[in-house]
PDB file of N, CA and C in Angstrom:
ATOM      1  N   MET A   1       0.512 -11.577  10.680  1.00  0.00           N
ATOM      2  CA  MET A   1       1.261 -12.361  10.016  1.00  0.00           C
ATOM      3  C   MET A   1       2.264 -10.816  10.277  1.00  0.00           C
ATOM      4  N   ALA A   2       3.819 -10.718  10.735  1.00  0.00           N
ATOM      5  CA  ALA A   2       4.968  -9.655  10.846  1.00  0.00           C
ATOM      6  C   ALA A   2       4.972  -9.490   9.216  1.00  0.00           C
ATOM      7  N   SER A   3       5.520  -8.653   9.150  1.00  0.00           N
ATOM      8  CA  SER A   3       6.525  -8.286   8.072  1.00  0.00           C
ATOM      9  C   SER A   3       7.857  -8.954   8.039  1.00  0.00           C
ATOM     10  N   GLN A   4       8.078  -9.663   6.925  1.00  0.00           N
ATOM     11  CA  GLN A   4       9.470 -10.036   7.118  1.00  0.00           C
ATOM     12  C   GLN A   4      10.789  -9.154   6.600  1.00  0.00           C
ATOM     13  N   ARG A   5       9.577  -9.038   5.178  1.00  0.00           N
ATOM     14  CA  ARG A   5      10.908  -8.809   4.474  1.00  0.00           C
ATOM     15  C   ARG A   5       9.738  -7.568   3.081  1.00  0.00           C
ATOM     16  N   CYS A   6      10.283  -6.425   2.906  1.00  0.00           N
ATOM     17  CA  CYS A   6       8.714  -5.902   2.359  1.00  0.00           C
ATOM     18  C   CYS A   6       9.555  -4.748   0.917  1.00  0.00           C
ATOM     19  N   ASP A   7       8.809  -4.243   0.250  1.00  0.00           N
ATOM     20  CA  ASP A   7       9.093  -3.335   0.018  1.00  0.00           C
ATOM     21  C   ASP A   7       8.494  -2.293  -0.031  1.00  0.00           C
ATOM     22  N   LEU A   8       9.778  -1.055  -0.119  1.00  0.00           N
ATOM     23  CA  LEU A   8       8.570   0.109  -0.761  1.00  0.00           C
ATOM     24  C   LEU A   8       8.457   1.085  -1.499  1.00  0.00           C
ATOM     25  N   ASP A   9       7.269   1.723  -2.124  1.00  0.00           N
ATOM     26  CA  ASP A   9       6.244   1.749  -2.463  1.00  0.00           C
ATOM     27  C   ASP A   9       5.937   2.471  -2.666  1.00  0.00           C
ATOM     28  N   HIS A  10       6.144   3.893  -4.011  1.00  0.00           N
ATOM     29  CA  HIS A  10       5.680   5.083  -4.314  1.00  0.00           C
ATOM     30  C   HIS A  10       3.670   4.709  -5.051  1.00  0.00           C
ATOM     31  N   VAL A  11       2.954   5.422  -4.204  1.00  0.00           N
ATOM     32  CA  VAL A  11       1.618   4.653  -4.130  1.00  0.00           C
ATOM     33  C   VAL A  11       1.499   5.202  -5.872  1.00  0.00           C
ATOM     34  N   ILE A  12       1.453   6.686  -5.895  1.00  0.00           N
ATOM     35  CA  ILE A  12       1.918   7.363  -7.032  1.00  0.00           C
ATOM     36  C   ILE A  12       3.111   7.228  -7.782  1.00  0.00           C
ATOM     37  N   ARG A  13       2.962   6.598  -8.918  1.00  0.00           N
ATOM     38  CA  ARG A  13       4.325   6.168  -9.267  1.00  0.00           C
ATOM     39  C   ARG A  13       4.977   7.142  -9.605  1.00  0.00           C
ATOM     40  N   PHE A  14       6.822   7.361  -8.783  1.00  0.00           N
ATOM     41  CA  PHE A  14       8.354   8.236  -9.577  1.00  0.00           C
ATOM     42  C   PHE A  14       7.995   7.615 -10.651  1.00  0.00           C
ATOM     43  N   PRO A  15       8.094   9.170 -11.830  1.00  0.00           N
ATOM     44  CA  PRO A  15       8.693  10.237 -11.135  1.00  0.00           C
ATOM     45  C   PRO A  15       7.400  11.659 -11.206  1.00  0.00           C
ATOM     46  N   ASP A  16       6.198  10.767 -12.123  1.00  0.00           N
ATOM     47  CA  ASP A  16       5.343  11.194 -10.974  1.00  0.00           C
ATOM     48  C   ASP A  16       4.471  12.329  -9.887  1.00  0.00           C
ATOM     49  N   GLY A  17       4.884  10.587  -9.160  1.00  0.00           N
ATOM     50  CA  GLY A  17       4.469  11.052  -7.143  1.00  0.00           C
ATOM     51  C   GLY A  17       5.811  10.985  -6.561  1.00  0.00           C
ATOM     52  N   PRO A  18       5.657  11.919  -5.093  1.00  0.00           N
ATOM     53  CA  PRO A  18       6.757  12.136  -5.222  1.00  0.00           C
ATOM     54  C   PRO A  18       7.472  11.342  -4.430  1.00  0.00           C
ATOM     55  N   THR A  19       9.204  11.399  -3.904  1.00  0.00           N
ATOM     56  CA  THR A  19       9.256  10.342  -2.614  1.00  0.00           C
ATOM     57  C   THR A  19       9.040  11.037  -1.273  1.00  0.00           C
ATOM     58  N   ALA A  20       8.056  11.175  -1.273  1.00  0.00           N
ATOM     59  CA  ALA A  20       7.773  11.969   0.615  1.00  0.00           C
ATOM     60  C   ALA A  20       6.696  10.577   0.786  1.00  0.00           C
ATOM     61  N   GLU A  21       6.788  10.893   2.296  1.00  0.00           N
ATOM     62  CA  GLU A  21       6.169  10.101   3.218  1.00  0.00           C
ATOM     63  C   GLU A  21       4.574  10.071   2.364  1.00  0.00           C
ATOM     64  N   GLY A  22       3.832  10.619   2.635  1.00  0.00           N
ATOM     65  CA  GLY A  22       2.417  10.950   2.316  1.00  0.00           C
ATOM     66  C   GLY A  22       2.472   9.750   1.099  1.00  0.00           C
ATOM     67  N   ASN A  23       3.430   9.913  -0.224  1.00  0.00           N
ATOM     68  CA  ASN A  23       3.550   8.292  -1.297  1.00  0.00           C
ATOM     69  C   ASN A  23       4.044   7.821  -1.234  1.00  0.00           C
ATOM     70  N   LEU A  24       4.219   7.381   0.169  1.00  0.00           N
ATOM     71  CA  LEU A  24       5.476   5.745   0.007  1.00  0.00           C
ATOM     72  C   LEU A  24       4.584   4.683   1.034  1.00  0.00           C
ATOM     73  N   HIS A  25       4.564   3.634   0.777  1.00  0.00           N
ATOM     74  CA  HIS A  25       4.104   2.743   1.851  1.00  0.00           C
ATOM     75  C   HIS A  25       5.184   1.217   1.184  1.00  0.00           C
ATOM     76  N   ALA A  26       4.665   0.373   2.553  1.00  0.00           N
ATOM     77  CA  ALA A  26       4.900  -0.711   2.472  1.00  0.00           C
ATOM     78  C   ALA A  26       4.010  -1.904   2.163  1.00  0.00           C
ATOM     79  N   LEU A  27       5.202  -2.382   0.720  1.00  0.00           N
ATOM     80  CA  LEU A  27       4.254  -3.691   0.303  1.00  0.00           C
ATOM     81  C   LEU A  27       5.663  -4.690   0.324  1.00  0.00           C
ATOM     82  N   CYS A  28       4.415  -6.374   0.607  1.00  0.00           N
ATOM     83  CA  CYS A  28       5.103  -7.032   0.381  1.00  0.00           C
ATOM     84  C   CYS A  28       5.991  -7.775  -0.680  1.00  0.00           C
ATOM     85  N   ARG A  29       6.792  -7.798  -1.758  1.00  0.00           N
ATOM     86  CA  ARG A  29       7.191  -8.411  -2.566  1.00  0.00           C
ATOM     87  C   ARG A  29       6.324  -8.715  -3.474  1.00  0.00           C
ATOM     88  N   HIS A  30       5.269  -9.150  -3.514  1.00  0.00           N
ATOM     89  CA  HIS A  30       3.950 -10.273  -3.754  1.00  0.00           C
ATOM     90  C   HIS A  30       3.198  -9.043  -4.928  1.00  0.00           C
ATOM     91  N   HIS A  31       2.631  -8.526  -3.378  1.00  0.00           N
ATOM     92  CA  HIS A  31       1.629  -7.354  -3.256  1.00  0.00           C
ATOM     93  C   HIS A  31       2.058  -6.067  -4.486  1.00  0.00           C
ATOM     94  N   HIS A  32       3.380  -5.890  -4.218  1.00  0.00           N
ATOM     95  CA  HIS A  32       4.046  -5.181  -4.814  1.00  0.00           C
ATOM     96  C   HIS A  32       4.493  -5.285  -6.779  1.00  0.00           C
ATOM     97  N   ARG A  33       4.445  -6.656  -6.847  1.00  0.00           N
ATOM     98  CA  ARG A  33       4.715  -7.202  -8.594  1.00  0.00           C
ATOM     99  C   ARG A  33       2.657  -6.536  -8.549  1.00  0.00           C
ATOM    100  N   LEU A  34       2.305  -7.439  -8.186  1.00  0.00           N
ATOM    101  CA  LEU A  34       0.628  -6.951  -8.141  1.00  0.00           C
ATOM    102  C   LEU A  34      -0.257  -5.901  -8.895  1.00  0.00           C
ATOM    103  N   LYS A  35       0.748  -4.783  -8.082  1.00  0.00           N
ATOM    104  CA  LYS A  35       0.226  -3.744  -8.268  1.00  0.00           C
ATOM    105  C   LYS A  35       0.837  -2.879  -9.706  1.00  0.00           C
ATOM    106  N   HIS A  36       2.537  -3.493 -10.081  1.00  0.00           N
ATOM    107  CA  HIS A  36       2.982  -2.574 -11.084  1.00  0.00           C
ATOM    108  C   HIS A  36       3.317  -3.565 -12.396  1.00  0.00           C
ATOM    109  N   HIS A  37       2.375  -4.898 -12.218  1.00  0.00           N
ATOM    110  CA  HIS A  37       2.596  -5.652 -13.196  1.00  0.00           C
ATOM    111  C   HIS A  37       1.253  -6.370 -13.807  1.00  0.00           C
ATOM    112  N   THR A  38      -0.104  -6.053 -13.500  1.00  0.00           N
ATOM    113  CA  THR A  38      -1.123  -6.131 -13.521  1.00  0.00           C
ATOM    114  C   THR A  38      -1.951  -5.376 -12.897  1.00  0.00           C
ATOM    115  N   ARG A  39      -3.030  -5.534 -13.654  1.00  0.00           N
ATOM    116  CA  ARG A  39      -4.038  -3.937 -13.372  1.00  0.00           C
ATOM    117  C   ARG A  39      -5.140  -4.048 -12.413  1.00  0.00           C
ATOM    118  N   TRP A  40      -3.945  -4.646 -11.765  1.00  0.00           N
ATOM    119  CA  TRP A  40      -4.837  -4.491  -9.948  1.00  0.00           C
ATOM    120  C   TRP A  40      -4.244  -2.826  -9.719  1.00  0.00           C
ATOM    121  N   ARG A  41      -5.110  -1.593  -8.593  1.00  0.00           N
ATOM    122  CA  ARG A  41      -4.651  -0.365  -8.746  1.00  0.00           C
ATOM    123  C   ARG A  41      -4.485  -0.567  -7.119  1.00  0.00           C
ATOM    124  N   VAL A  42      -3.977   0.065  -6.545  1.00  0.00           N
ATOM    125  CA  VAL A  42      -3.951   0.997  -5.036  1.00  0.00           C
ATOM    126  C   VAL A  42      -4.325   2.328  -5.151  1.00  0.00           C
ATOM    127  N   SER A  43      -4.984   3.043  -4.362  1.00  0.00           N
ATOM    128  CA  SER A  43      -4.800   4.169  -3.426  1.00  0.00           C
ATOM    129  C   SER A  43      -4.365   4.268  -1.958  1.00  0.00           C
ATOM    130  N   VAL A  44      -4.640   5.260  -1.428  1.00  0.00           N
ATOM    131  CA  VAL A  44      -4.292   5.540   0.484  1.00  0.00           C
ATOM    132  C   VAL A  44      -4.148   6.729   0.148  1.00  0.00           C
ATOM    133  N   ASP A  45      -5.867   7.193   1.617  1.00  0.00           N
ATOM    134  CA  ASP A  45      -6.504   7.806   1.756  1.00  0.00           C
ATOM    135  C   ASP A  45      -5.328   8.556   3.341  1.00  0.00           C
ATOM    136  N   ASP A  46      -5.774  10.213   3.587  1.00  0.00           N
ATOM    137  CA  ASP A  46      -5.315  11.140   4.751  1.00  0.00           C
ATOM    138  C   ASP A  46      -4.979   9.195   6.440  1.00  0.00           C
ATOM    139  N   GLU A  47      -5.770   8.349   6.372  1.00  0.00           N
ATOM    140  CA  GLU A  47      -5.907   7.580   7.869  1.00  0.00           C
ATOM    141  C   GLU A  47      -4.740   6.455   6.777  1.00  0.00           C
ATOM    142  N   ALA A  48      -4.354   6.676   6.536  1.00  0.00           N
ATOM    143  CA  ALA A  48      -3.125   4.786   5.721  1.00  0.00           C
ATOM    144  C   ALA A  48      -4.187   3.781   6.087  1.00  0.00           C
ATOM    145  N   VAL A  49      -5.268   4.453   4.505  1.00  0.00           N
ATOM    146  CA  VAL A  49      -6.392   2.921   4.303  1.00  0.00           C
ATOM    147  C   VAL A  49      -5.800   3.178   3.040  1.00  0.00           C
ATOM    148  N   CYS A  50      -5.680   1.455   2.661  1.00  0.00           N
ATOM    149  CA  CYS A  50      -5.177   1.483   1.072  1.00  0.00           C
ATOM    150  C   CYS A  50      -6.296   1.004   0.721  1.00  0.00           C
ATOM    151  N   THR A  51      -6.621   1.000  -0.624  1.00  0.00           N
ATOM    152  CA  THR A  51      -8.149   0.011  -1.239  1.00  0.00           C
ATOM    153  C   THR A  51      -7.900   0.006  -2.105  1.00  0.00           C
ATOM    154  N   TRP A  52      -7.458  -1.653  -2.048  1.00  0.00           N
ATOM    155  CA  TRP A  52      -6.893  -2.422  -3.671  1.00  0.00           C
ATOM    156  C   TRP A  52      -8.127  -2.095  -4.543  1.00  0.00           C
ATOM    157  N   THR A  53      -8.203  -2.259  -6.267  1.00  0.00           N
ATOM    158  CA  THR A  53      -9.080  -2.556  -7.056  1.00  0.00           C
ATOM    159  C   THR A  53      -8.787  -3.596  -7.971  1.00  0.00           C
ATOM    160  N   SER A  54      -9.140  -4.055  -7.948  1.00  0.00           N
ATOM    161  CA  SER A  54      -9.038  -5.726  -8.913  1.00  0.00           C
ATOM    162  C   SER A  54      -9.457  -5.355 -10.038  1.00  0.00           C
ATOM    163  N   PRO A  55      -9.044  -6.154 -10.848  1.00  0.00           N
ATOM    164  CA  PRO A  55      -8.753  -6.035 -12.884  1.00  0.00           C
ATOM    165  C   PRO A  55     -10.568  -5.470 -12.660  1.00  0.00           C
ATOM    166  N   SER A  56     -11.464  -6.296 -12.483  1.00  0.00           N
ATOM    167  CA  SER A  56     -12.611  -6.818 -11.997  1.00  0.00           C
ATOM    168  C   SER A  56     -13.392  -5.081 -11.709  1.00  0.00           C
ATOM    169  N   GLY A  57     -13.160  -5.187 -11.046  1.00  0.00           N
ATOM    170  CA  GLY A  57     -13.705  -3.807 -10.401  1.00  0.00           C
ATOM    171  C   GLY A  57     -14.215  -3.745  -8.551  1.00  0.00           C
ATOM    172  N   GLN A  58     -13.894  -5.092  -8.086  1.00  0.00           N
ATOM    173  CA  GLN A  58     -14.066  -5.485  -6.860  1.00  0.00           C
ATOM    174  C   GLN A  58     -12.946  -5.140  -5.805  1.00  0.00           C
ATOM    175  N   VAL A  59     -13.549  -4.332  -4.671  1.00  0.00           N
ATOM    176  CA  VAL A  59     -12.801  -3.554  -4.218  1.00  0.00           C
ATOM    177  C   VAL A  59     -12.561  -4.217  -2.381  1.00  0.00           C
ATOM    178  N   TYR A  60     -11.406  -3.795  -2.265  1.00  0.00           N
ATOM    179  CA  TYR A  60     -10.849  -4.510  -0.917  1.00  0.00           C
ATOM    180  C   TYR A  60     -10.080  -3.281  -0.488  1.00  0.00           C
ATOM    181  N   ARG A  61     -10.336  -2.940   1.011  1.00  0.00           N
ATOM    182  CA  ARG A  61      -9.641  -1.832   1.973  1.00  0.00           C
ATOM    183  C   ARG A  61      -9.037  -3.224   3.076  1.00  0.00           C
ATOM    184  N   THR A  62      -7.598  -1.932   2.903  1.00  0.00           N
ATOM    185  CA  THR A  62      -7.117  -2.392   3.791  1.00  0.00           C
ATOM    186  C   THR A  62      -6.509  -1.372   5.828  1.00  0.00           C
ATOM    187  N   THR A  63      -7.053  -1.295   6.470  1.00  0.00           N
ATOM    188  CA  THR A  63      -6.228  -0.738   7.281  1.00  0.00           C
ATOM    189  C   THR A  63      -5.359  -0.638   7.886  1.00  0.00           C
ATOM    190  N   PRO A  64      -4.259  -0.003   8.310  1.00  0.00           N
ATOM    191  CA  PRO A  64      -3.016   0.067   9.154  1.00  0.00           C
ATOM    192  C   PRO A  64      -3.862  -0.304  10.164  1.00  0.00           C
ATOM    193  N   PHE A  65      -2.520  -1.371  11.241  1.00  0.00           N
ATOM    194  CA  PHE A  65      -2.534  -1.524  12.587  1.00  0.00           C
ATOM    195  C   PHE A  65      -1.923  -0.956  13.274  1.00  0.00           C
ATOM    196  N   ASP A  66      -2.966  -0.025  14.040  1.00  0.00           N
ATOM    197  CA  ASP A  66      -2.259   1.076  15.112  1.00  0.00           C
ATOM    198  C   ASP A  66      -1.054   0.840  15.990  1.00  0.00           C
ATOM    199  N   HIS A  67       0.256   0.360  16.311  1.00  0.00           N
ATOM    200  CA  HIS A  67       1.174  -0.273  17.186  1.00  0.00           C
ATOM    201  C   HIS A  67       0.819   0.336  18.950  1.00  0.00           C
ATOM    202  N   ARG A  68       0.122   1.927  18.339  1.00  0.00           N
ATOM    203  CA  ARG A  68       0.253   2.971  19.551  1.00  0.00           C
ATOM    204  C   ARG A  68      -0.423   2.273  20.779  1.00  0.00           C
ATOM    205  N   GLU A  69      -1.253   1.250  19.638  1.00  0.00           N
ATOM    206  CA  GLU A  69      -1.818   0.776  21.183  1.00  0.00           C
ATOM    207  C   GLU A  69      -1.719  -0.502  21.855  1.00  0.00           C
ATOM    208  N   LEU A  70      -0.008  -0.549  21.661  1.00  0.00           N
ATOM    209  CA  LEU A  70       0.558  -1.747  22.141  1.00  0.00           C
ATOM    210  C   LEU A  70       1.165  -1.252  23.911  1.00  0.00           C
ATOM    211  N   VAL A  71       1.449  -0.141  23.635  1.00  0.00           N
ATOM    212  CA  VAL A  71       2.661   0.858  24.075  1.00  0.00           C
ATOM    213  C   VAL A  71       1.024   1.187  25.721  1.00  0.00           C
ATOM    214  N   THR A  72       0.706   1.346  26.603  1.00  0.00           N
ATOM    215  CA  THR A  72       0.147   1.199  27.749  1.00  0.00           C
ATOM    216  C   THR A  72       1.143   1.318  28.611  1.00  0.00           C
TER     217      THR A  72
END
């Protein structure tokens, strides 16, 4: 599903983390609130893979879509 609206989120909360490309990602409002108002945690690696960890310790990974594949 295409993104219609999103929040730009600091992976490491500001002011502890910088407002810089490597510390920012786009989240829908639901996931942004989930991250900041519950015990869910998220981390992002150098390849932009997000790892979400639930309060019970279940791990979910999401990989970014490579839009460069559309330009051929």
